[in-house]
Amino acid sequence: MSLSSVVAALPQYAVGEQIGEGGMGVVYGGLHRQLGRPVAIKRLPHAVAEDPRMSERFEHEARLLARLDHPHIVPVYDYVRQQGEHLLVMERLDGGTVWSRFSGDGLTAQQSCGIVLAALSGLHAAHDAGVLHLDVKPKNLLFTSNGVVKVADFGISQVVSEGATLVTHGGAVLGTPAYIAPEQAMGNALSPAADVYATGTMLYELLCGDLPFERGGGPIAMIQKRVFQDPRPLPNVPEPLAGVVMRSIAREPDARYRNAETFAIDLAAAAGHLFGPDWLVRLGMPVHLAPQVSSSSTRPSLRPVPERDTVTLTGQRIRATLVDPIPAARLSGSSTLVPAAQVIKPPSTPWALWLVAALALIAMVVVPFVATANTLTTSVTLDLADPVKADGTHLVVTAAGIPIADVERTPEGFVLPGVTRWIVGGAVRAQVDEQPPFLLVSSQTPWLSLMGTGSVLLLLFAFAYLESNLRALRRRQTGVAAIIASVPLGLVLGLAVWLLVSVLLTHEPTMSIALTCGVLGAAAALSASLASKRP
């Protein structure tokens, strides 16, 4: 692209070499000839000039940007629309970007909190002026030579895309999918909560070195995860800081902070709690805060700071684990752009797995009712505290083939041990010497036995843990470990159902039916876990 039209449009500036490039245009260095002031010249894509509606929107937005006067916003000195060019002339900052420091030497947790507080201060001022950023990311936060953080590229995404996320037919995204808010991706109504989300995502990454969602799958898959999945919990960061970050990146806008300032107030308070009320002074980073944010940061904590929680946060430098987030598509006249909402689709429901899980679960419940091994023609019902009256010398009592009593005859009869009376509920198999076995049925309520109450507790335990595992899988808070754990939990669930039904119906508990129910329970749990795991 020829530079001559830029030079012709800006006669008062000496236009230098290209110093940056992104999906929203190219940046050149420059110098104001009379003032000797170094500047950065943002050259917007020709697609802006070629679209009359977009061109008018940008001119309106440029006037708003020029009015923004805040210590943490890169000031706009001039806007020129001439000879098919749209040019923004801004302050030139040569201190590098937050991304360059984060991917280089790394940043401490205190530095990251200070950087984000500065960004939130600038964002709140812009929001008050009616300007959303919509592309907050580490590369759009720049340092002055004195270490002041400033936010760049306000409003450009909003003008170009009218707030929606656009993608090419090839799947490249106009914008930065790593930090994009779900409602922005879907083209829904936007508010400061969209910038809160992007800033919170950036803070998440700065504090742990990674993004809140698993990598892989390309930019469309990255956006899809943000729309349909909950973020992973922030690792190795204690409360209350972790809670502040996770609230800022909630999927639903109403669940986030309502604006940048409320986010900043809680962030400053959490940092003050962890690092001490004078943490910003010790940090030495110039941060201009509103009075309510500043007082929140310096307010003494009511609780002592646990030393073990802050050891990893005080001195350790965190570095980016990604080489670079997925690059954005470039806006050009030849690009065919469509809203992202047209190409991202909700994850397909694995109906086959859910069907298998449902059928296995139904079979697990039905089998103990219809399959019984009660082939014994004789049964004796009594309070097990009373002696069993029978001829012979030796009595053996078993449940599912497991001996639970082995007693000799006394003058009163066969007296069962106390532990046996405590275990048995419903019916069990009994045999005296070599005589035919019979069914020994307890007359006491099943809930007073280990077999009765224990089966209920076991069922509740297995069901609760399975439900927790499935929920964690749906939220992508766990992975293969939960799927593996579902097998023994399903087995326990099946055994508990088998034992409970056997006790209530006074069926003899047999090992064959127990194994059948256990296998069905394991199959149901495994199928449900596989179906719940998000791609």
Protein backbone atom coordinates (compact mmCIF):
# COMPACT_ATOMS: atom_id res chain seq x y z
CA MET A 1 0.00 0.00 0.00
CA SER A 2 1.50 3.32 -1.06
CA LEU A 3 2.55 5.76 1.65
CA SER A 4 2.30 8.79 -0.64
CA SER A 5 -1.38 9.42 0.12
CA VAL A 6 -0.62 9.47 3.86
CA VAL A 7 2.23 11.93 3.35
CA ALA A 8 0.00 14.11 1.18
CA ALA A 9 -2.81 14.08 3.75
CA LEU A 10 -0.49 15.11 6.61
CA PRO A 11 1.79 17.89 5.33
CA GLN A 12 2.41 19.15 8.86
CA TYR A 13 3.91 15.80 9.87
CA ALA A 14 7.05 14.01 8.78
CA VAL A 15 5.79 10.46 8.26
CA GLY A 16 8.29 7.75 9.16
CA GLU A 17 8.47 3.98 9.00
CA GLN A 18 5.75 1.52 9.89
CA ILE A 19 5.92 0.68 13.62
CA GLY A 20 2.90 -1.57 13.99
CA GLU A 21 0.13 -3.47 12.21
CA GLY A 22 -3.10 -5.16 13.20
CA GLY A 23 -6.52 -6.14 11.99
CA MET A 24 -7.74 -2.53 12.28
CA GLY A 25 -4.95 -0.85 10.34
CA VAL A 26 -1.29 0.09 10.13
CA VAL A 27 0.64 2.42 12.46
CA TYR A 28 3.48 4.69 11.30
CA GLY A 29 5.87 6.78 13.32
CA GLY A 30 5.84 10.50 12.68
CA LEU A 31 6.99 13.90 13.89
CA HIS A 32 5.10 17.18 14.02
CA ARG A 33 7.29 19.51 11.99
CA GLN A 34 6.66 22.73 13.99
CA LEU A 35 6.35 21.28 17.50
CA GLY A 36 8.94 18.51 17.14
CA ARG A 37 6.50 16.19 18.88
CA PRO A 38 6.79 12.47 18.07
CA VAL A 39 3.45 10.91 17.12
CA ALA A 40 1.94 7.61 16.05
CA ILE A 41 -0.22 7.74 12.91
CA LYS A 42 -2.96 5.13 12.70
CA ARG A 43 -3.97 4.43 9.10
CA LEU A 44 -7.35 2.78 9.04
CA PRO A 45 -8.13 0.14 6.41
CA HIS A 46 -9.43 1.34 3.06
CA ALA A 47 -12.60 -0.63 3.71
CA VAL A 48 -13.52 2.13 6.17
CA ALA A 49 -13.21 4.85 3.52
CA GLU A 50 -14.96 2.75 0.88
CA ASP A 51 -18.06 2.26 3.04
CA PRO A 52 -19.89 5.61 3.43
CA ARG A 53 -21.81 4.49 6.52
CA MET A 54 -18.66 3.21 8.22
CA SER A 55 -16.81 6.36 7.25
CA GLU A 56 -19.45 8.58 8.84
CA ARG A 57 -19.53 6.48 11.99
CA PHE A 58 -15.80 6.71 12.35
CA GLU A 59 -15.76 10.46 11.92
CA HIS A 60 -18.33 10.76 14.71
CA GLU A 61 -16.31 8.36 16.89
CA ALA A 62 -13.08 10.23 16.18
CA ARG A 63 -14.59 13.40 17.58
CA LEU A 64 -15.50 11.54 20.76
CA LEU A 65 -12.00 10.05 21.00
CA ALA A 66 -10.41 13.47 20.62
CA ARG A 67 -12.35 14.66 23.67
CA LEU A 68 -11.02 11.91 25.91
CA ASP A 69 -8.51 13.45 28.28
CA HIS A 70 -7.30 10.96 30.86
CA PRO A 71 -3.84 10.01 32.19
CA HIS A 72 -4.39 6.37 31.20
CA ILE A 73 -5.74 6.92 27.68
CA VAL A 74 -3.50 7.51 24.66
CA PRO A 75 -4.55 11.00 23.53
CA VAL A 76 -5.71 11.65 19.97
CA TYR A 77 -4.09 14.83 18.61
CA ASP A 78 -5.65 14.95 15.18
CA TYR A 79 -8.03 13.23 12.80
CA VAL A 80 -7.69 13.61 9.03
CA ARG A 81 -10.11 12.35 6.40
CA GLN A 82 -8.65 13.20 3.03
CA GLN A 83 -7.79 11.62 -0.32
CA GLY A 84 -9.40 8.31 0.60
CA GLU A 85 -7.48 8.10 3.88
CA HIS A 86 -8.74 7.96 7.47
CA LEU A 87 -5.84 8.88 9.77
CA LEU A 88 -5.67 9.20 13.54
CA VAL A 89 -2.68 11.04 14.93
CA MET A 90 -1.92 9.96 18.51
CA GLU A 91 0.72 10.25 21.18
CA ARG A 92 3.65 7.98 20.45
CA LEU A 93 4.64 5.71 23.32
CA ASP A 94 7.98 3.96 23.14
CA GLY A 95 7.90 2.13 26.47
CA GLY A 96 6.64 -1.09 24.91
CA THR A 97 3.35 -2.93 25.44
CA VAL A 98 2.11 -4.93 28.39
CA TRP A 99 2.32 -7.98 26.13
CA SER A 100 6.01 -7.40 25.36
CA ARG A 101 6.84 -7.26 29.08
CA PHE A 102 4.54 -10.14 29.94
CA SER A 103 6.04 -12.40 27.28
CA GLY A 104 9.59 -11.20 28.04
CA ASP A 105 10.71 -10.72 31.64
CA GLY A 106 7.24 -11.42 33.01
CA LEU A 107 5.14 -9.47 35.51
CA THR A 108 4.57 -9.88 39.23
CA ALA A 109 1.03 -10.13 40.56
CA GLN A 110 1.33 -6.63 42.05
CA GLN A 111 2.43 -5.20 38.71
CA SER A 112 -0.44 -6.94 36.92
CA CYS A 113 -2.97 -5.57 39.41
CA GLY A 114 -1.49 -2.08 39.03
CA ILE A 115 -1.61 -2.29 35.23
CA VAL A 116 -5.23 -3.43 35.23
CA LEU A 117 -6.25 -0.73 37.73
CA ALA A 118 -4.74 1.87 35.38
CA ALA A 119 -6.57 0.35 32.42
CA LEU A 120 -9.87 0.29 34.32
CA SER A 121 -9.41 3.92 35.25
CA GLY A 122 -9.05 4.86 31.58
CA LEU A 123 -11.88 2.58 30.49
CA HIS A 124 -14.29 4.06 33.01
CA ALA A 125 -13.53 7.57 31.77
CA ALA A 126 -14.14 6.44 28.18
CA HIS A 127 -17.38 4.71 29.12
CA ASP A 128 -18.60 7.89 30.81
CA ALA A 129 -17.94 9.66 27.50
CA GLY A 130 -19.97 7.05 25.61
CA VAL A 131 -17.04 5.16 24.07
CA LEU A 132 -16.58 1.38 24.38
CA HIS A 133 -13.20 -0.12 23.57
CA LEU A 134 -14.19 -3.69 22.55
CA ASP A 135 -10.59 -4.82 21.94
CA VAL A 136 -8.92 -4.67 25.35
CA LYS A 137 -5.82 -6.88 25.36
CA PRO A 138 -2.18 -6.70 26.52
CA LYS A 139 -1.04 -5.43 23.12
CA ASN A 140 -3.36 -2.43 23.38
CA LEU A 141 -1.90 -1.31 26.71
CA LEU A 142 1.25 0.75 26.20
CA PHE A 143 3.87 2.19 28.56
CA THR A 144 5.27 5.70 28.46
CA SER A 145 8.99 6.16 29.07
CA ASN A 146 8.05 6.96 32.69
CA GLY A 147 6.16 3.70 33.14
CA VAL A 148 2.62 5.08 32.90
CA VAL A 149 0.15 2.61 31.39
CA LYS A 150 -2.14 3.97 28.67
CA VAL A 151 -4.94 2.29 26.74
CA ALA A 152 -4.81 2.63 22.95
CA ASP A 153 -7.18 2.00 20.03
CA PHE A 154 -10.42 3.11 21.67
CA GLY A 155 -13.57 2.71 19.67
CA ILE A 156 -12.08 1.42 16.41
CA SER A 157 -13.60 -2.06 16.74
CA GLN A 158 -16.98 -0.58 17.55
CA VAL A 159 -16.94 1.62 14.46
CA VAL A 160 -15.75 -1.04 12.04
CA SER A 161 -18.08 -3.80 13.18
CA GLU A 162 -20.91 -1.88 14.88
CA GLY A 163 -20.14 -3.83 18.04
CA ALA A 164 -20.46 -7.32 16.56
CA THR A 165 -17.62 -9.76 16.02
CA LEU A 166 -16.96 -10.36 12.34
CA VAL A 167 -15.24 -13.32 10.73
CA THR A 168 -14.07 -14.14 7.22
CA HIS A 169 -15.33 -17.17 5.34
CA GLY A 170 -11.91 -18.67 6.00
CA GLY A 171 -12.56 -18.53 9.75
CA ALA A 172 -10.26 -15.63 10.65
CA VAL A 173 -11.70 -13.25 13.25
CA LEU A 174 -11.73 -9.48 13.02
CA GLY A 175 -10.74 -8.65 16.56
CA THR A 176 -9.04 -10.70 19.25
CA PRO A 177 -10.99 -13.87 20.08
CA ALA A 178 -8.90 -14.62 23.16
CA TYR A 179 -10.46 -11.73 25.12
CA ILE A 180 -13.81 -11.22 23.45
CA ALA A 181 -17.01 -11.11 25.53
CA PRO A 182 -19.71 -13.70 24.75
CA GLU A 183 -22.35 -11.05 24.00
CA GLN A 184 -19.94 -9.29 21.64
CA ALA A 185 -19.29 -12.55 19.79
CA MET A 186 -23.02 -13.10 19.38
CA GLY A 187 -23.71 -9.56 18.19
CA ASN A 188 -25.95 -8.76 21.17
CA ALA A 189 -26.39 -5.34 22.79
CA LEU A 190 -23.13 -4.14 24.32
CA SER A 191 -22.37 -2.26 27.52
CA PRO A 192 -19.29 -1.54 29.64
CA ALA A 193 -19.60 -5.17 30.80
CA ALA A 194 -18.01 -6.24 27.49
CA ASP A 195 -14.85 -4.29 28.31
CA VAL A 196 -15.02 -5.59 31.90
CA TYR A 197 -14.95 -9.13 30.50
CA ALA A 198 -11.95 -8.48 28.24
CA THR A 199 -10.05 -6.73 31.04
CA GLY A 200 -10.85 -9.54 33.48
CA THR A 201 -9.67 -12.12 30.94
CA MET A 202 -6.45 -10.18 30.53
CA LEU A 203 -5.94 -10.04 34.32
CA TYR A 204 -6.62 -13.80 34.54
CA GLU A 205 -3.88 -14.37 31.98
CA LEU A 206 -1.43 -11.98 33.64
CA LEU A 207 -1.88 -13.70 37.03
CA CYS A 208 -1.45 -17.31 35.86
CA GLY A 209 0.17 -17.14 32.42
CA ASP A 210 -2.73 -18.79 30.61
CA LEU A 211 -6.24 -18.05 29.39
CA PRO A 212 -9.47 -19.14 31.14
CA PHE A 213 -10.26 -21.73 28.46
CA GLU A 214 -8.39 -24.63 26.93
CA ARG A 215 -6.44 -23.85 23.81
CA GLY A 216 -6.79 -25.39 20.40
CA GLY A 217 -9.34 -25.48 17.64
CA GLY A 218 -8.68 -22.10 16.02
CA PRO A 219 -10.35 -18.72 16.50
CA ILE A 220 -13.93 -19.87 15.89
CA ALA A 221 -13.56 -22.66 18.46
CA MET A 222 -12.02 -20.14 20.86
CA ILE A 223 -15.06 -17.88 20.56
CA GLN A 224 -17.42 -20.84 20.80
CA LYS A 225 -15.92 -21.83 24.16
CA ARG A 226 -16.46 -18.34 25.54
CA VAL A 227 -20.09 -18.34 24.44
CA PHE A 228 -21.10 -21.80 25.63
CA GLN A 229 -18.72 -22.69 28.46
CA ASP A 230 -17.83 -21.31 31.88
CA PRO A 231 -14.20 -20.29 32.43
CA ARG A 232 -11.82 -22.49 34.38
CA PRO A 233 -11.15 -21.43 38.01
CA LEU A 234 -8.10 -19.19 38.35
CA PRO A 235 -5.24 -21.45 39.55
CA ASN A 236 -2.71 -20.64 42.29
CA VAL A 237 -4.29 -17.29 43.19
CA PRO A 238 -5.88 -16.93 46.64
CA GLU A 239 -9.10 -15.24 47.63
CA PRO A 240 -10.30 -12.56 47.51
CA LEU A 241 -8.35 -11.78 44.32
CA ALA A 242 -9.39 -14.96 42.52
CA GLY A 243 -13.06 -14.24 43.25
CA VAL A 244 -12.79 -10.72 41.82
CA VAL A 245 -11.24 -12.04 38.60
CA MET A 246 -13.79 -14.82 38.18
CA ARG A 247 -16.70 -12.41 38.68
CA SER A 248 -15.31 -10.13 35.97
CA ILE A 249 -15.33 -12.97 33.39
CA ALA A 250 -18.75 -14.45 34.12
CA ARG A 251 -20.50 -15.53 30.93
CA GLU A 252 -23.64 -13.50 31.62
CA PRO A 253 -23.14 -9.71 31.61
CA ASP A 254 -25.51 -9.29 34.58
CA ALA A 255 -23.26 -11.53 36.68
CA ARG A 256 -20.20 -9.33 36.08
CA TYR A 257 -19.29 -5.96 37.49
CA ARG A 258 -21.68 -3.37 36.09
CA ASN A 259 -18.86 -1.05 35.08
CA ALA A 260 -15.09 -0.63 35.13
CA GLU A 261 -15.08 1.40 38.34
CA THR A 262 -16.90 -1.19 40.49
CA PHE A 263 -14.44 -3.77 39.13
CA ALA A 264 -11.56 -1.48 40.10
CA ILE A 265 -12.93 -0.93 43.63
CA ASP A 266 -13.05 -4.67 44.35
CA LEU A 267 -9.72 -5.31 42.65
CA ALA A 268 -8.01 -2.57 44.68
CA ALA A 269 -9.49 -3.94 47.90
CA ALA A 270 -8.41 -7.51 47.10
CA ALA A 271 -4.88 -6.38 46.23
CA GLY A 272 -4.71 -4.30 49.40
CA HIS A 273 -5.80 -7.33 51.41
CA LEU A 274 -3.15 -9.59 49.90
CA PHE A 275 -0.22 -7.20 49.47
CA GLY A 276 -0.82 -4.66 52.22
CA PRO A 277 -2.49 -1.22 52.19
CA ASP A 278 0.63 0.53 50.82
CA TRP A 279 1.19 -1.92 47.96
CA LEU A 280 0.75 0.68 45.21
CA VAL A 281 3.26 3.03 46.86
CA ARG A 282 5.80 0.22 47.13
CA LEU A 283 5.09 -0.81 43.54
CA GLY A 284 6.23 2.58 42.27
CA MET A 285 3.91 2.46 39.24
CA PRO A 286 2.09 5.73 38.49
CA VAL A 287 -1.61 4.88 38.71
CA HIS A 288 -4.29 7.57 38.78
CA LEU A 289 -7.31 6.30 40.69
CA ALA A 290 -10.69 7.73 41.55
CA PRO A 291 -11.02 8.54 45.30
CA GLN A 292 -13.32 5.58 45.99
CA VAL A 293 -10.92 3.18 44.28
CA SER A 294 -7.90 4.64 46.05
CA SER A 295 -9.56 4.43 49.47
CA SER A 296 -10.55 0.83 48.79
CA SER A 297 -6.91 -0.04 48.04
CA THR A 298 -5.49 1.59 51.18
CA ARG A 299 -8.20 0.56 53.61
CA PRO A 300 -6.64 -1.73 56.24
CA SER A 301 -7.72 -5.33 55.99
CA LEU A 302 -9.88 -6.70 58.79
CA ARG A 303 -8.21 -10.10 58.49
CA PRO A 304 -4.55 -11.06 58.68
CA VAL A 305 -2.94 -11.96 55.36
CA PRO A 306 -2.05 -15.69 55.35
CA GLU A 307 1.63 -15.84 54.50
CA ARG A 308 1.35 -19.13 52.63
CA ASP A 309 -1.19 -17.61 50.23
CA THR A 310 0.98 -14.67 49.26
CA VAL A 311 4.35 -16.35 48.88
CA THR A 312 3.73 -17.23 45.24
CA LEU A 313 2.25 -13.83 44.50
CA THR A 314 4.71 -11.42 46.05
CA GLY A 315 7.93 -11.90 44.15
CA GLN A 316 7.37 -14.44 41.43
CA ARG A 317 7.21 -13.15 37.86
CA ILE A 318 4.52 -14.73 35.72
CA ARG A 319 5.18 -15.06 32.01
CA ALA A 320 2.91 -15.77 29.08
CA THR A 321 2.72 -19.45 28.18
CA LEU A 322 1.24 -18.63 24.76
CA VAL A 323 3.69 -17.45 22.12
CA ASP A 324 1.02 -15.02 20.99
CA PRO A 325 -2.78 -15.09 20.94
CA ILE A 326 -4.32 -16.03 17.62
CA PRO A 327 -3.76 -13.07 15.27
CA ALA A 328 -6.72 -11.10 14.01
CA ALA A 329 -7.89 -10.98 10.42
CA ARG A 330 -7.06 -7.85 8.48
CA LEU A 331 -9.87 -5.69 7.24
CA SER A 332 -9.55 -5.13 3.51
CA GLY A 333 -11.84 -4.37 0.63
CA SER A 334 -11.56 -7.96 -0.61
CA SER A 335 -12.56 -9.49 2.74
CA THR A 336 -15.96 -11.12 2.90
CA LEU A 337 -17.07 -10.66 6.49
CA VAL A 338 -20.06 -12.18 8.24
CA PRO A 339 -21.20 -11.92 11.88
CA ALA A 340 -19.61 -14.54 14.09
CA ALA A 341 -23.06 -15.52 15.36
CA GLN A 342 -23.77 -17.00 11.90
CA VAL A 343 -20.86 -19.43 12.01
CA ILE A 344 -20.54 -20.43 15.66
CA LYS A 345 -22.95 -23.09 16.74
CA PRO A 346 -23.69 -24.61 20.12
CA PRO A 347 -21.92 -27.90 20.81
CA SER A 348 -23.90 -30.82 19.45
CA THR A 349 -25.69 -32.84 22.09
CA PRO A 350 -24.39 -36.44 22.16
CA TRP A 351 -27.87 -37.97 22.15
CA ALA A 352 -26.58 -41.52 21.63
CA LEU A 353 -24.52 -41.39 24.84
CA TRP A 354 -27.39 -39.85 26.80
CA LEU A 355 -29.70 -42.56 25.47
CA VAL A 356 -27.28 -45.28 26.58
CA ALA A 357 -27.00 -43.63 30.01
CA ALA A 358 -30.80 -43.41 30.37
CA LEU A 359 -31.41 -47.02 29.29
CA ALA A 360 -28.66 -48.33 31.60
CA LEU A 361 -30.06 -46.28 34.48
CA ILE A 362 -33.60 -47.57 33.91
CA ALA A 363 -32.36 -51.15 33.68
CA MET A 364 -30.31 -50.69 36.86
CA VAL A 365 -33.45 -49.69 38.76
CA VAL A 366 -35.75 -52.29 37.20
CA VAL A 367 -33.49 -55.36 37.51
CA PRO A 368 -33.63 -55.65 41.34
CA PHE A 369 -37.45 -55.55 41.18
CA VAL A 370 -37.97 -58.19 38.50
CA ALA A 371 -34.91 -60.42 38.92
CA THR A 372 -34.98 -62.32 42.16
CA ALA A 373 -33.08 -65.38 43.25
CA ASN A 374 -35.64 -66.29 45.92
CA THR A 375 -35.65 -70.02 45.10
CA LEU A 376 -35.87 -70.99 48.75
CA THR A 377 -39.21 -72.53 49.63
CA THR A 378 -38.84 -72.10 53.39
CA SER A 379 -38.58 -68.83 55.25
CA VAL A 380 -38.42 -67.91 58.91
CA THR A 381 -39.44 -64.44 60.09
CA LEU A 382 -38.35 -63.28 63.53
CA ASP A 383 -36.71 -60.58 65.55
CA LEU A 384 -33.04 -61.39 65.09
CA ALA A 385 -32.43 -60.64 68.75
CA ASP A 386 -34.34 -63.86 69.48
CA PRO A 387 -32.68 -67.28 69.07
CA VAL A 388 -33.29 -69.11 65.80
CA LYS A 389 -35.18 -72.32 66.64
CA ALA A 390 -33.95 -75.15 64.43
CA ASP A 391 -32.62 -78.68 64.81
CA GLY A 392 -28.91 -79.16 64.26
CA THR A 393 -25.59 -78.05 65.67
CA HIS A 394 -24.23 -75.36 63.32
CA LEU A 395 -25.86 -72.32 61.67
CA VAL A 396 -24.30 -70.25 58.85
CA VAL A 397 -25.89 -66.98 57.64
CA THR A 398 -24.76 -65.42 54.33
CA ALA A 399 -25.69 -62.32 52.27
CA ALA A 400 -24.71 -62.36 48.59
CA GLY A 401 -22.43 -65.30 49.36
CA ILE A 402 -20.60 -63.42 52.13
CA PRO A 403 -20.75 -65.13 55.58
CA ILE A 404 -22.07 -62.76 58.24
CA ALA A 405 -22.69 -65.31 61.04
CA ASP A 406 -21.33 -68.73 61.97
CA VAL A 407 -22.72 -69.92 65.33
CA GLU A 408 -23.05 -73.09 67.38
CA ARG A 409 -26.33 -74.18 68.91
CA THR A 410 -27.06 -73.27 72.54
CA PRO A 411 -29.80 -74.65 74.77
CA GLU A 412 -32.00 -71.67 73.71
CA GLY A 413 -31.26 -72.18 69.98
CA PHE A 414 -28.96 -70.38 67.57
CA VAL A 415 -28.15 -66.93 69.04
CA LEU A 416 -26.94 -64.52 66.36
CA PRO A 417 -24.07 -62.16 67.25
CA GLY A 418 -24.96 -58.51 67.86
CA VAL A 419 -23.05 -57.38 64.78
CA THR A 420 -25.13 -59.70 62.60
CA ARG A 421 -28.38 -58.33 64.03
CA TRP A 422 -27.06 -54.82 63.32
CA ILE A 423 -26.11 -55.68 59.71
CA VAL A 424 -29.12 -57.68 58.52
CA GLY A 425 -32.17 -55.96 57.07
CA GLY A 426 -34.77 -57.69 54.93
CA ALA A 427 -33.85 -61.30 54.11
CA VAL A 428 -30.66 -63.35 54.09
CA ARG A 429 -29.79 -67.01 53.45
CA ALA A 430 -29.38 -69.35 56.42
CA GLN A 431 -28.38 -73.04 56.61
CA VAL A 432 -28.14 -75.48 59.49
CA ASP A 433 -25.57 -78.25 59.00
CA GLU A 434 -26.27 -80.04 55.71
CA GLN A 435 -29.98 -79.35 55.77
CA PRO A 436 -31.67 -77.40 52.93
CA PRO A 437 -31.09 -73.65 53.27
CA PHE A 438 -33.94 -71.33 54.21
CA LEU A 439 -34.69 -67.59 54.05
CA LEU A 440 -34.10 -65.77 57.32
CA VAL A 441 -36.26 -62.62 57.37
CA SER A 442 -35.76 -59.86 59.95
CA SER A 443 -38.99 -58.53 61.48
CA GLN A 444 -37.36 -55.22 62.51
CA THR A 445 -37.67 -52.14 60.34
CA PRO A 446 -35.00 -52.08 57.58
CA TRP A 447 -33.87 -48.57 58.54
CA LEU A 448 -32.45 -49.95 61.80
CA SER A 449 -29.98 -52.12 59.87
CA LEU A 450 -26.74 -51.44 58.08
CA MET A 451 -28.14 -53.06 54.94
CA GLY A 452 -31.12 -50.69 54.96
CA THR A 453 -29.70 -47.36 56.13
CA GLY A 454 -26.27 -48.06 54.66
CA SER A 455 -27.69 -48.66 51.18
CA VAL A 456 -29.53 -45.30 51.33
CA LEU A 457 -26.42 -43.41 52.47
CA LEU A 458 -24.31 -45.18 49.84
CA LEU A 459 -26.84 -44.29 47.15
CA LEU A 460 -26.92 -40.61 48.18
CA PHE A 461 -23.12 -40.44 48.35
CA ALA A 462 -22.63 -41.96 44.88
CA PHE A 463 -25.40 -39.84 43.34
CA ALA A 464 -24.06 -36.60 44.85
CA TYR A 465 -20.51 -37.21 43.68
CA LEU A 466 -21.66 -38.26 40.22
CA GLU A 467 -23.80 -35.14 39.87
CA SER A 468 -20.86 -32.99 41.00
CA ASN A 469 -18.59 -34.69 38.45
CA LEU A 470 -21.07 -34.18 35.63
CA ARG A 471 -21.48 -30.51 36.54
CA ALA A 472 -17.70 -30.01 36.61
CA LEU A 473 -17.38 -31.72 33.23
CA ARG A 474 -20.04 -29.46 31.72
CA ARG A 475 -18.16 -26.43 33.04
CA ARG A 476 -14.81 -27.79 31.88
CA GLN A 477 -13.49 -27.62 35.44
CA THR A 478 -12.18 -31.17 35.20
CA GLY A 479 -11.39 -33.70 32.52
CA VAL A 480 -10.35 -37.34 32.15
CA ALA A 481 -9.98 -37.85 35.91
CA ALA A 482 -13.70 -37.22 36.44
CA ILE A 483 -14.62 -39.62 33.65
CA ILE A 484 -12.44 -42.35 35.16
CA ALA A 485 -13.89 -41.67 38.63
CA SER A 486 -17.42 -42.03 37.26
CA VAL A 487 -16.95 -45.79 36.72
CA PRO A 488 -16.47 -46.80 40.40
CA LEU A 489 -19.08 -44.22 41.44
CA GLY A 490 -21.59 -45.74 39.01
CA LEU A 491 -20.70 -49.21 40.28
CA VAL A 492 -21.38 -48.08 43.86
CA LEU A 493 -24.66 -46.48 42.76
CA GLY A 494 -25.82 -49.73 41.14
CA LEU A 495 -24.87 -51.79 44.19
CA ALA A 496 -26.68 -49.37 46.49
CA VAL A 497 -29.87 -49.57 44.40
CA TRP A 498 -29.65 -53.37 44.33
CA LEU A 499 -29.19 -53.65 48.09
CA LEU A 500 -31.90 -51.12 48.93
CA VAL A 501 -34.51 -52.84 46.73
CA SER A 502 -33.50 -56.27 48.04
CA VAL A 503 -33.97 -55.10 51.61
CA LEU A 504 -37.31 -53.38 51.01
CA LEU A 505 -38.77 -56.34 49.04
CA THR A 506 -37.17 -58.95 51.33
CA HIS A 507 -35.43 -60.53 48.37
CA GLU A 508 -32.37 -62.59 49.06
CA PRO A 509 -29.39 -60.42 48.04
CA THR A 510 -27.40 -62.42 45.49
CA MET A 511 -24.06 -61.68 43.87
CA SER A 512 -25.27 -62.20 40.27
CA ILE A 513 -27.92 -59.48 40.56
CA ALA A 514 -25.47 -57.25 42.45
CA LEU A 515 -22.92 -57.48 39.64
CA THR A 516 -25.61 -56.84 37.02
CA CYS A 517 -26.77 -53.67 38.78
CA GLY A 518 -23.19 -52.54 39.38
CA VAL A 519 -22.23 -52.94 35.72
CA LEU A 520 -25.39 -51.13 34.60
CA GLY A 521 -24.66 -48.29 37.03
CA ALA A 522 -21.07 -48.00 35.82
CA ALA A 523 -22.26 -47.97 32.18
CA ALA A 524 -24.82 -45.25 32.93
CA ALA A 525 -22.30 -43.11 34.78
CA LEU A 526 -19.60 -43.50 32.14
CA SER A 527 -21.99 -42.68 29.29
CA ALA A 528 -23.31 -39.61 31.12
CA SER A 529 -19.77 -38.42 31.86
CA LEU A 530 -18.68 -38.79 28.24
CA ALA A 531 -21.83 -36.97 27.12
CA SER A 532 -21.22 -34.14 29.63
CA LYS A 533 -17.61 -33.54 28.65
CA ARG A 534 -17.42 -30.42 26.51
CA PRO A 535 -15.34 -30.63 23.33
